[in-house]
Every structure is written in structure tokens, then in C-alpha cells.
């Protein structure tokens, strides 16, 4: 289902180089815009901060900083595992295959 959705929106389903957010109306967001939209929806203080960054920092600047400073160091910042975590049964319906 996920691969078909990516194809329908003009994305290569084998390209895992960045995060992709596809809204229910088929609008597609990538890179920092996708990340910040997800975090904004999560709410809380981090969501408020993400929303402020979305509205105050131009996309080109955000994507440049992310690709040069955060992405190359993400494993150092967030850790690395040998396999992906499986969502608990209560959340599986929210994920695409």
C-alpha cells in the first residue's frame, strides 16, 4: 500500500533518502517540511517549537542545515539499531506496508 501511494504521488518507492509525508489529499512534503509537520501534529512544547521553525525559517535554509549538520550526525544524536522497531499492535493500523 505504501509503495503504491508513493508511485501515485510521483515518488520513487525505492528512494529512502529522505522522509516523505503524504497527506490525505495527496499533498506531498519531504525533508524538513515533512518532519516539522509530523512533530507539529504531535503537539506539546516540541510541536510548538516545530511550528515556529516552520513559519520563521525558510525551507531552503532548513533543508541545507539539516543536510549539512543533522543528517550526517543523526546516528550520533539519536543512536542506531540493527533493525527497525515494530509498532505495538495498538498502533499497527496507522502504518502502511
PDB file of N, CA and C in Angstrom:
ATOM      1  N   UNK A   1       0.831  -1.199   0.000  1.00  0.00           N
ATOM      2  CA  UNK A   1       0.000   0.000   0.000  1.00  0.00           C
ATOM      3  C   UNK A   1       0.869   1.254   0.000  1.00  0.00           C
ATOM      4  N   UNK A   2       1.928   1.254   0.789  1.00  0.00           N
ATOM      5  CA  UNK A   2       2.805   2.418   0.867  1.00  0.00           C
ATOM      6  C   UNK A   2       3.534   2.681  -0.435  1.00  0.00           C
ATOM      7  N   UNK A   3       4.009   1.624  -1.069  1.00  0.00           N
ATOM      8  CA  UNK A   3       4.723   1.779  -2.337  1.00  0.00           C
ATOM      9  C   UNK A   3       3.801   2.312  -3.419  1.00  0.00           C
ATOM     10  N   UNK A   4       2.580   1.809  -3.465  1.00  0.00           N
ATOM     11  CA  UNK A   4       1.605   2.286  -4.458  1.00  0.00           C
ATOM     12  C   UNK A   4       1.262   3.757  -4.219  1.00  0.00           C
ATOM     13  N   UNK A   5       1.148   4.133  -2.968  1.00  0.00           N
ATOM     14  CA  UNK A   5       0.858   5.524  -2.628  1.00  0.00           C
ATOM     15  C   UNK A   5       1.998   6.440  -3.075  1.00  0.00           C
ATOM     16  N   UNK A   6       3.234   6.020  -2.855  1.00  0.00           N
ATOM     17  CA  UNK A   6       4.382   6.810  -3.303  1.00  0.00           C
ATOM     18  C   UNK A   6       4.382   6.952  -4.823  1.00  0.00           C
ATOM     19  N   UNK A   7       4.118   5.863  -5.537  1.00  0.00           N
ATOM     20  CA  UNK A   7       4.063   5.923  -7.004  1.00  0.00           C
ATOM     21  C   UNK A   7       2.981   6.885  -7.463  1.00  0.00           C
ATOM     22  N   UNK A   8       1.805   6.791  -6.855  1.00  0.00           N
ATOM     23  CA  UNK A   8       0.671   7.647  -7.228  1.00  0.00           C
ATOM     24  C   UNK A   8       1.013   9.129  -7.054  1.00  0.00           C
ATOM     25  N   UNK A   9       1.864   9.428  -6.087  1.00  0.00           N
ATOM     26  CA  UNK A   9       2.254  10.817  -5.825  1.00  0.00           C
ATOM     27  C   UNK A   9       3.529  11.217  -6.542  1.00  0.00           C
ATOM     28  N   UNK A  10       3.994  10.347  -7.451  1.00  0.00           N
ATOM     29  CA  UNK A  10       5.156  10.684  -8.252  1.00  0.00           C
ATOM     30  C   UNK A  10       6.495  10.478  -7.559  1.00  0.00           C
ATOM     31  N   UNK A  11       6.524   9.700  -6.491  1.00  0.00           N
ATOM     32  CA  UNK A  11       7.768   9.433  -5.762  1.00  0.00           C
ATOM     33  C   UNK A  11       8.256   8.034  -6.097  1.00  0.00           C
ATOM     34  N   UNK A  12       9.552   7.858  -6.114  1.00  0.00           N
ATOM     35  CA  UNK A  12      10.162   6.548  -6.336  1.00  0.00           C
ATOM     36  C   UNK A  12      10.044   5.743  -5.043  1.00  0.00           C
ATOM     37  N   UNK A  13       9.328   4.628  -5.046  1.00  0.00           N
ATOM     38  CA  UNK A  13       9.160   3.858  -3.811  1.00  0.00           C
ATOM     39  C   UNK A  13      10.450   3.240  -3.274  1.00  0.00           C
ATOM     40  N   UNK A  14      11.497   3.191  -4.085  1.00  0.00           N
ATOM     41  CA  UNK A  14      12.780   2.646  -3.633  1.00  0.00           C
ATOM     42  C   UNK A  14      13.720   3.720  -3.097  1.00  0.00           C
ATOM     43  N   UNK A  15      13.324   4.980  -3.193  1.00  0.00           N
ATOM     44  CA  UNK A  15      14.157   6.082  -2.702  1.00  0.00           C
ATOM     45  C   UNK A  15      13.880   6.295  -1.223  1.00  0.00           C
ATOM     46  N   UNK A  16      14.806   5.885  -0.394  1.00  0.00           N
ATOM     47  CA  UNK A  16      14.652   6.047   1.055  1.00  0.00           C
ATOM     48  C   UNK A  16      15.615   7.110   1.593  1.00  0.00           C
ATOM     49  N   UNK A  17      15.991   8.055   0.725  1.00  0.00           N
ATOM     50  CA  UNK A  17      16.980   9.060   1.100  1.00  0.00           C
ATOM     51  C   UNK A  17      16.410  10.161   1.986  1.00  0.00           C
ATOM     52  N   UNK A  18      15.099  10.269   2.072  1.00  0.00           N
ATOM     53  CA  UNK A  18      14.511  11.310   2.897  1.00  0.00           C
ATOM     54  C   UNK A  18      13.133  10.882   3.387  1.00  0.00           C
ATOM     55  N   UNK A  19      12.656  11.600   4.369  1.00  0.00           N
ATOM     56  CA  UNK A  19      11.308  11.337   4.879  1.00  0.00           C
ATOM     57  C   UNK A  19      10.292  11.938   3.924  1.00  0.00           C
ATOM     58  N   UNK A  20       9.209  11.215   3.702  1.00  0.00           N
ATOM     59  CA  UNK A  20       8.125  11.683   2.846  1.00  0.00           C
ATOM     60  C   UNK A  20       6.835  11.622   3.654  1.00  0.00           C
ATOM     61  N   UNK A  21       6.083  12.722   3.642  1.00  0.00           N
ATOM     62  CA  UNK A  21       4.766  12.776   4.274  1.00  0.00           C
ATOM     63  C   UNK A  21       3.750  13.001   3.181  1.00  0.00           C
ATOM     64  N   UNK A  22       2.773  12.105   3.072  1.00  0.00           N
ATOM     65  CA  UNK A  22       1.705  12.252   2.086  1.00  0.00           C
ATOM     66  C   UNK A  22       0.410  12.465   2.858  1.00  0.00           C
ATOM     67  N   UNK A  23      -0.196  13.626   2.653  1.00  0.00           N
ATOM     68  CA  UNK A  23      -1.441  13.974   3.337  1.00  0.00           C
ATOM     69  C   UNK A  23      -2.618  13.251   2.688  1.00  0.00           C
ATOM     70  N   UNK A  24      -3.751  13.273   3.356  1.00  0.00           N
ATOM     71  CA  UNK A  24      -4.934  12.578   2.848  1.00  0.00           C
ATOM     72  C   UNK A  24      -5.416  13.148   1.517  1.00  0.00           C
ATOM     73  N   UNK A  25      -5.064  14.394   1.199  1.00  0.00           N
ATOM     74  CA  UNK A  25      -5.445  14.993  -0.087  1.00  0.00           C
ATOM     75  C   UNK A  25      -4.337  14.844  -1.134  1.00  0.00           C
ATOM     76  N   UNK A  26      -3.381  13.941  -0.870  1.00  0.00           N
ATOM     77  CA  UNK A  26      -2.251  13.625  -1.759  1.00  0.00           C
ATOM     78  C   UNK A  26      -1.215  14.736  -1.861  1.00  0.00           C
ATOM     79  N   UNK A  27      -1.255  15.741  -0.996  1.00  0.00           N
ATOM     80  CA  UNK A  27      -0.154  16.703  -0.962  1.00  0.00           C
ATOM     81  C   UNK A  27       1.063  15.996  -0.385  1.00  0.00           C
ATOM     82  N   UNK A  28       2.221  16.239  -0.986  1.00  0.00           N
ATOM     83  CA  UNK A  28       3.452  15.553  -0.609  1.00  0.00           C
ATOM     84  C   UNK A  28       4.426  16.559  -0.014  1.00  0.00           C
ATOM     85  N   UNK A  29       5.002  16.202   1.121  1.00  0.00           N
ATOM     86  CA  UNK A  29       6.013  17.019   1.775  1.00  0.00           C
ATOM     87  C   UNK A  29       7.244  16.148   2.006  1.00  0.00           C
ATOM     88  N   UNK A  30       8.410  16.721   1.814  1.00  0.00           N
ATOM     89  CA  UNK A  30       9.659  15.979   2.000  1.00  0.00           C
ATOM     90  C   UNK A  30      10.610  16.773   2.889  1.00  0.00           C
ATOM     91  N   UNK A  31      11.639  16.092   3.317  1.00  0.00           N
ATOM     92  CA  UNK A  31      12.731  16.660   4.104  1.00  0.00           C
ATOM     93  C   UNK A  31      12.212  17.344   5.366  1.00  0.00           C
ATOM     94  N   UNK A  32      12.707  18.549   5.643  1.00  0.00           N
ATOM     95  CA  UNK A  32      12.353  19.189   6.917  1.00  0.00           C
ATOM     96  C   UNK A  32      10.887  19.559   7.002  1.00  0.00           C
ATOM     97  N   UNK A  33      10.257  19.838   5.870  1.00  0.00           N
ATOM     98  CA  UNK A  33       8.826  20.185   5.920  1.00  0.00           C
ATOM     99  C   UNK A  33       8.014  18.989   6.408  1.00  0.00           C
ATOM    100  N   UNK A  34       8.357  17.784   5.944  1.00  0.00           N
ATOM    101  CA  UNK A  34       7.659  16.580   6.401  1.00  0.00           C
ATOM    102  C   UNK A  34       7.899  16.348   7.889  1.00  0.00           C
ATOM    103  N   UNK A  35       9.148  16.446   8.301  1.00  0.00           N
ATOM    104  CA  UNK A  35       9.490  16.211   9.709  1.00  0.00           C
ATOM    105  C   UNK A  35       8.782  17.206  10.621  1.00  0.00           C
ATOM    106  N   UNK A  36       8.861  18.482  10.276  1.00  0.00           N
ATOM    107  CA  UNK A  36       8.264  19.507  11.131  1.00  0.00           C
ATOM    108  C   UNK A  36       6.740  19.419  11.171  1.00  0.00           C
ATOM    109  N   UNK A  37       6.112  19.013  10.079  1.00  0.00           N
ATOM    110  CA  UNK A  37       4.651  18.840  10.090  1.00  0.00           C
ATOM    111  C   UNK A  37       4.246  17.702  11.033  1.00  0.00           C
ATOM    112  N   UNK A  38       4.990  16.610  11.019  1.00  0.00           N
ATOM    113  CA  UNK A  38       4.689  15.487  11.907  1.00  0.00           C
ATOM    114  C   UNK A  38       4.875  15.898  13.363  1.00  0.00           C
ATOM    115  N   UNK A  39       5.981  16.553  13.668  1.00  0.00           N
ATOM    116  CA  UNK A  39       6.257  16.970  15.050  1.00  0.00           C
ATOM    117  C   UNK A  39       5.230  18.007  15.508  1.00  0.00           C
ATOM    118  N   UNK A  40       4.839  18.922  14.627  1.00  0.00           N
ATOM    119  CA  UNK A  40       3.816  19.916  14.976  1.00  0.00           C
ATOM    120  C   UNK A  40       2.522  19.230  15.380  1.00  0.00           C
ATOM    121  N   UNK A  41       2.126  18.217  14.625  1.00  0.00           N
ATOM    122  CA  UNK A  41       0.882  17.487  14.940  1.00  0.00           C
ATOM    123  C   UNK A  41       0.971  16.712  16.244  1.00  0.00           C
ATOM    124  N   UNK A  42       2.172  16.319  16.623  1.00  0.00           N
ATOM    125  CA  UNK A  42       2.335  15.583  17.879  1.00  0.00           C
ATOM    126  C   UNK A  42       2.000  16.463  19.079  1.00  0.00           C
ATOM    127  N   UNK A  43       2.136  17.773  18.899  1.00  0.00           N
ATOM    128  CA  UNK A  43       1.752  18.706  19.954  1.00  0.00           C
ATOM    129  C   UNK A  43       2.819  18.889  21.017  1.00  0.00           C
ATOM    130  N   UNK A  44       2.392  19.473  22.115  1.00  0.00           N
ATOM    131  CA  UNK A  44       3.310  19.733  23.215  1.00  0.00           C
ATOM    132  C   UNK A  44       4.284  20.843  22.891  1.00  0.00           C
ATOM    133  N   UNK A  45       5.268  21.008  23.766  1.00  0.00           N
ATOM    134  CA  UNK A  45       6.261  22.066  23.595  1.00  0.00           C
ATOM    135  C   UNK A  45       7.073  21.864  22.319  1.00  0.00           C
ATOM    136  N   UNK A  46       7.432  20.624  22.015  1.00  0.00           N
ATOM    137  CA  UNK A  46       8.204  20.350  20.811  1.00  0.00           C
ATOM    138  C   UNK A  46       7.392  20.668  19.558  1.00  0.00           C
ATOM    139  N   UNK A  47       6.102  20.371  19.599  1.00  0.00           N
ATOM    140  CA  UNK A  47       5.222  20.701  18.478  1.00  0.00           C
ATOM    141  C   UNK A  47       5.116  22.193  18.258  1.00  0.00           C
ATOM    142  N   UNK A  48       5.054  22.944  19.358  1.00  0.00           N
ATOM    143  CA  UNK A  48       5.010  24.404  19.261  1.00  0.00           C
ATOM    144  C   UNK A  48       6.302  24.943  18.663  1.00  0.00           C
ATOM    145  N   UNK A  49       7.425  24.400  19.109  1.00  0.00           N
ATOM    146  CA  UNK A  49       8.719  24.805  18.568  1.00  0.00           C
ATOM    147  C   UNK A  49       8.811  24.470  17.081  1.00  0.00           C
ATOM    148  N   UNK A  50       8.379  23.275  16.697  1.00  0.00           N
ATOM    149  CA  UNK A  50       8.415  22.865  15.287  1.00  0.00           C
ATOM    150  C   UNK A  50       7.571  23.801  14.430  1.00  0.00           C
ATOM    151  N   UNK A  51       6.421  24.175  14.925  1.00  0.00           N
ATOM    152  CA  UNK A  51       5.551  25.098  14.197  1.00  0.00           C
ATOM    153  C   UNK A  51       6.226  26.454  14.018  1.00  0.00           C
ATOM    154  N   UNK A  52       6.874  26.942  15.057  1.00  0.00           N
ATOM    155  CA  UNK A  52       7.570  28.227  14.977  1.00  0.00           C
ATOM    156  C   UNK A  52       8.702  28.168  13.952  1.00  0.00           C
ATOM    157  N   UNK A  53       9.431  27.050  13.927  1.00  0.00           N
ATOM    158  CA  UNK A  53      10.519  26.895  12.958  1.00  0.00           C
ATOM    159  C   UNK A  53       9.950  26.850  11.547  1.00  0.00           C
ATOM    160  N   UNK A  54       8.854  26.130  11.351  1.00  0.00           N
ATOM    161  CA  UNK A  54       8.231  26.049  10.024  1.00  0.00           C
ATOM    162  C   UNK A  54       7.885  27.426   9.480  1.00  0.00           C
ATOM    163  N   UNK A  55       7.380  28.292  10.334  1.00  0.00           N
ATOM    164  CA  UNK A  55       6.910  29.600   9.874  1.00  0.00           C
ATOM    165  C   UNK A  55       7.997  30.659   9.853  1.00  0.00           C
ATOM    166  N   UNK A  56       9.103  30.456  10.553  1.00  0.00           N
ATOM    167  CA  UNK A  56      10.104  31.514  10.643  1.00  0.00           C
ATOM    168  C   UNK A  56      11.397  31.245   9.871  1.00  0.00           C
ATOM    169  N   UNK A  57      11.665  30.001   9.516  1.00  0.00           N
ATOM    170  CA  UNK A  57      12.906  29.668   8.816  1.00  0.00           C
ATOM    171  C   UNK A  57      12.554  29.156   7.413  1.00  0.00           C
ATOM    172  N   UNK A  58      13.094  29.783   6.375  1.00  0.00           N
ATOM    173  CA  UNK A  58      12.786  29.343   5.006  1.00  0.00           C
ATOM    174  C   UNK A  58      13.185  27.879   4.772  1.00  0.00           C
ATOM    175  N   UNK A  59      12.404  27.207   3.944  1.00  0.00           N
ATOM    176  CA  UNK A  59      12.627  25.786   3.649  1.00  0.00           C
ATOM    177  C   UNK A  59      14.052  25.538   3.163  1.00  0.00           C
ATOM    178  N   UNK A  60      14.549  26.354   2.266  1.00  0.00           N
ATOM    179  CA  UNK A  60      15.899  26.141   1.724  1.00  0.00           C
ATOM    180  C   UNK A  60      16.954  26.185   2.829  1.00  0.00           C
ATOM    181  N   UNK A  61      16.792  27.090   3.770  1.00  0.00           N
ATOM    182  CA  UNK A  61      17.738  27.190   4.893  1.00  0.00           C
ATOM    183  C   UNK A  61      17.621  25.964   5.790  1.00  0.00           C
ATOM    184  N   UNK A  62      16.375  25.569   6.131  1.00  0.00           N
ATOM    185  CA  UNK A  62      16.172  24.380   6.983  1.00  0.00           C
ATOM    186  C   UNK A  62      16.775  23.148   6.346  1.00  0.00           C
ATOM    187  N   UNK A  63      16.483  22.926   5.054  1.00  0.00           N
ATOM    188  CA  UNK A  63      16.975  21.728   4.379  1.00  0.00           C
ATOM    189  C   UNK A  63      18.504  21.734   4.278  1.00  0.00           C
ATOM    190  N   UNK A  64      19.103  22.895   4.039  1.00  0.00           N
ATOM    191  CA  UNK A  64      20.555  22.992   3.961  1.00  0.00           C
ATOM    192  C   UNK A  64      21.186  22.641   5.308  1.00  0.00           C
ATOM    193  N   UNK A  65      20.676  23.240   6.379  1.00  0.00           N
ATOM    194  CA  UNK A  65      21.225  22.976   7.721  1.00  0.00           C
ATOM    195  C   UNK A  65      21.040  21.506   8.080  1.00  0.00           C
ATOM    196  N   UNK A  66      19.869  20.962   7.799  1.00  0.00           N
ATOM    197  CA  UNK A  66      19.625  19.547   8.113  1.00  0.00           C
ATOM    198  C   UNK A  66      20.601  18.647   7.346  1.00  0.00           C
ATOM    199  N   UNK A  67      20.757  18.901   6.045  1.00  0.00           N
ATOM    200  CA  UNK A  67      21.602  18.013   5.230  1.00  0.00           C
ATOM    201  C   UNK A  67      23.084  18.141   5.570  1.00  0.00           C
ATOM    202  N   UNK A  68      23.514  19.298   6.084  1.00  0.00           N
ATOM    203  CA  UNK A  68      24.926  19.503   6.387  1.00  0.00           C
ATOM    204  C   UNK A  68      25.292  19.222   7.841  1.00  0.00           C
ATOM    205  N   UNK A  69      24.362  19.431   8.765  1.00  0.00           N
ATOM    206  CA  UNK A  69      24.714  19.316  10.185  1.00  0.00           C
ATOM    207  C   UNK A  69      24.019  18.157  10.897  1.00  0.00           C
ATOM    208  N   UNK A  70      22.754  17.934  10.595  1.00  0.00           N
ATOM    209  CA  UNK A  70      21.996  16.924  11.348  1.00  0.00           C
ATOM    210  C   UNK A  70      22.083  15.552  10.699  1.00  0.00           C
ATOM    211  N   UNK A  71      21.768  15.451   9.424  1.00  0.00           N
ATOM    212  CA  UNK A  71      21.749  14.145   8.757  1.00  0.00           C
ATOM    213  C   UNK A  71      23.067  13.379   8.879  1.00  0.00           C
ATOM    214  N   UNK A  72      24.219  14.020   8.653  1.00  0.00           N
ATOM    215  CA  UNK A  72      25.471  13.257   8.758  1.00  0.00           C
ATOM    216  C   UNK A  72      25.775  12.768  10.176  1.00  0.00           C
ATOM    217  N   UNK A  73      25.147  13.375  11.170  1.00  0.00           N
ATOM    218  CA  UNK A  73      25.410  13.027  12.568  1.00  0.00           C
ATOM    219  C   UNK A  73      24.221  12.387  13.278  1.00  0.00           C
ATOM    220  N   UNK A  74      23.196  12.009  12.524  1.00  0.00           N
ATOM    221  CA  UNK A  74      21.958  11.548  13.160  1.00  0.00           C
ATOM    222  C   UNK A  74      22.151  10.317  14.038  1.00  0.00           C
ATOM    223  N   UNK A  75      23.026   9.404  13.643  1.00  0.00           N
ATOM    224  CA  UNK A  75      23.242   8.212  14.473  1.00  0.00           C
ATOM    225  C   UNK A  75      23.920   8.576  15.783  1.00  0.00           C
ATOM    226  N   UNK A  76      24.790   9.563  15.746  1.00  0.00           N
ATOM    227  CA  UNK A  76      25.435  10.023  16.978  1.00  0.00           C
ATOM    228  C   UNK A  76      24.408  10.700  17.895  1.00  0.00           C
ATOM    229  N   UNK A  77      23.486  11.472  17.313  1.00  0.00           N
ATOM    230  CA  UNK A  77      22.470  12.181  18.096  1.00  0.00           C
ATOM    231  C   UNK A  77      21.390  11.238  18.627  1.00  0.00           C
ATOM    232  N   UNK A  78      20.900  10.350  17.753  1.00  0.00           N
ATOM    233  CA  UNK A  78      19.709   9.557  18.074  1.00  0.00           C
ATOM    234  C   UNK A  78      19.978   8.071  18.270  1.00  0.00           C
ATOM    235  N   UNK A  79      21.203   7.630  18.014  1.00  0.00           N
ATOM    236  CA  UNK A  79      21.522   6.218  18.155  1.00  0.00           C
ATOM    237  C   UNK A  79      21.222   5.450  16.882  1.00  0.00           C
ATOM    238  N   UNK A  80      21.689   4.212  16.848  1.00  0.00           N
ATOM    239  CA  UNK A  80      21.491   3.372  15.678  1.00  0.00           C
ATOM    240  C   UNK A  80      21.189   1.959  16.138  1.00  0.00           C
ATOM    241  N   UNK A  81      20.242   1.319  15.473  1.00  0.00           N
ATOM    242  CA  UNK A  81      19.918  -0.073  15.772  1.00  0.00           C
ATOM    243  C   UNK A  81      20.124  -0.906  14.516  1.00  0.00           C
ATOM    244  N   UNK A  82      20.226  -2.203  14.694  1.00  0.00           N
ATOM    245  CA  UNK A  82      20.421  -3.106  13.565  1.00  0.00           C
ATOM    246  C   UNK A  82      19.128  -3.443  12.837  1.00  0.00           C
ATOM    247  N   UNK A  83      18.000  -3.137  13.461  1.00  0.00           N
ATOM    248  CA  UNK A  83      16.712  -3.425  12.828  1.00  0.00           C
ATOM    249  C   UNK A  83      15.679  -2.398  13.266  1.00  0.00           C
ATOM    250  N   UNK A  84      14.645  -2.265  12.458  1.00  0.00           N
ATOM    251  CA  UNK A  84      13.584  -1.316  12.767  1.00  0.00           C
ATOM    252  C   UNK A  84      12.695  -1.857  13.879  1.00  0.00           C
ATOM    253  N   UNK A  85      12.215  -0.961  14.691  1.00  0.00           N
ATOM    254  CA  UNK A  85      11.292  -1.353  15.761  1.00  0.00           C
ATOM    255  C   UNK A  85       9.917  -1.620  15.158  1.00  0.00           C
ATOM    256  N   UNK A  86       9.276  -2.674  15.609  1.00  0.00           N
ATOM    257  CA  UNK A  86       7.909  -2.971  15.162  1.00  0.00           C
ATOM    258  C   UNK A  86       6.937  -2.212  16.050  1.00  0.00           C
ATOM    259  N   UNK A  87       5.951  -1.568  15.439  1.00  0.00           N
ATOM    260  CA  UNK A  87       4.981  -0.851  16.268  1.00  0.00           C
ATOM    261  C   UNK A  87       4.129  -1.843  17.057  1.00  0.00           C
ATOM    262  N   UNK A  88       3.679  -1.442  18.235  1.00  0.00           N
ATOM    263  CA  UNK A  88       2.807  -2.326  19.006  1.00  0.00           C
ATOM    264  C   UNK A  88       1.484  -2.530  18.266  1.00  0.00           C
ATOM    265  N   UNK A  89       0.790  -3.597  18.589  1.00  0.00           N
ATOM    266  CA  UNK A  89      -0.461  -3.936  17.910  1.00  0.00           C
ATOM    267  C   UNK A  89      -1.450  -2.769  17.918  1.00  0.00           C
ATOM    268  N   UNK A  90      -1.462  -2.003  18.994  1.00  0.00           N
ATOM    269  CA  UNK A  90      -2.412  -0.898  19.103  1.00  0.00           C
ATOM    270  C   UNK A  90      -2.151   0.214  18.086  1.00  0.00           C
ATOM    271  N   UNK A  91      -0.953   0.253  17.494  1.00  0.00           N
ATOM    272  CA  UNK A  91      -0.611   1.302  16.529  1.00  0.00           C
ATOM    273  C   UNK A  91      -0.433   0.790  15.103  1.00  0.00           C
ATOM    274  N   UNK A  92      -0.459  -0.501  14.882  1.00  0.00           N
ATOM    275  CA  UNK A  92      -0.157  -1.058  13.563  1.00  0.00           C
ATOM    276  C   UNK A  92      -1.077  -0.540  12.462  1.00  0.00           C
ATOM    277  N   UNK A  93      -2.314  -0.268  12.774  1.00  0.00           N
ATOM    278  CA  UNK A  93      -3.260   0.204  11.777  1.00  0.00           C
ATOM    279  C   UNK A  93      -2.857   1.579  11.224  1.00  0.00           C
ATOM    280  N   UNK A  94      -2.007   2.295  11.922  1.00  0.00           N
ATOM    281  CA  UNK A  94      -1.585   3.633  11.483  1.00  0.00           C
ATOM    282  C   UNK A  94      -0.394   3.598  10.542  1.00  0.00           C
ATOM    283  N   UNK A  95       0.165   2.410  10.280  1.00  0.00           N
ATOM    284  CA  UNK A  95       1.322   2.252   9.421  1.00  0.00           C
ATOM    285  C   UNK A  95       0.938   1.563   8.119  1.00  0.00           C
ATOM    286  N   UNK A  96       1.645   1.914   7.031  1.00  0.00           N
ATOM    287  CA  UNK A  96       1.413   1.280   5.739  1.00  0.00           C
ATOM    288  C   UNK A  96       2.459   0.197   5.512  1.00  0.00           C
ATOM    289  N   UNK A  97       2.090  -0.833   4.777  1.00  0.00           N
ATOM    290  CA  UNK A  97       3.040  -1.894   4.402  1.00  0.00           C
ATOM    291  C   UNK A  97       3.906  -1.437   3.264  1.00  0.00           C
TER     292      UNK A  97
END
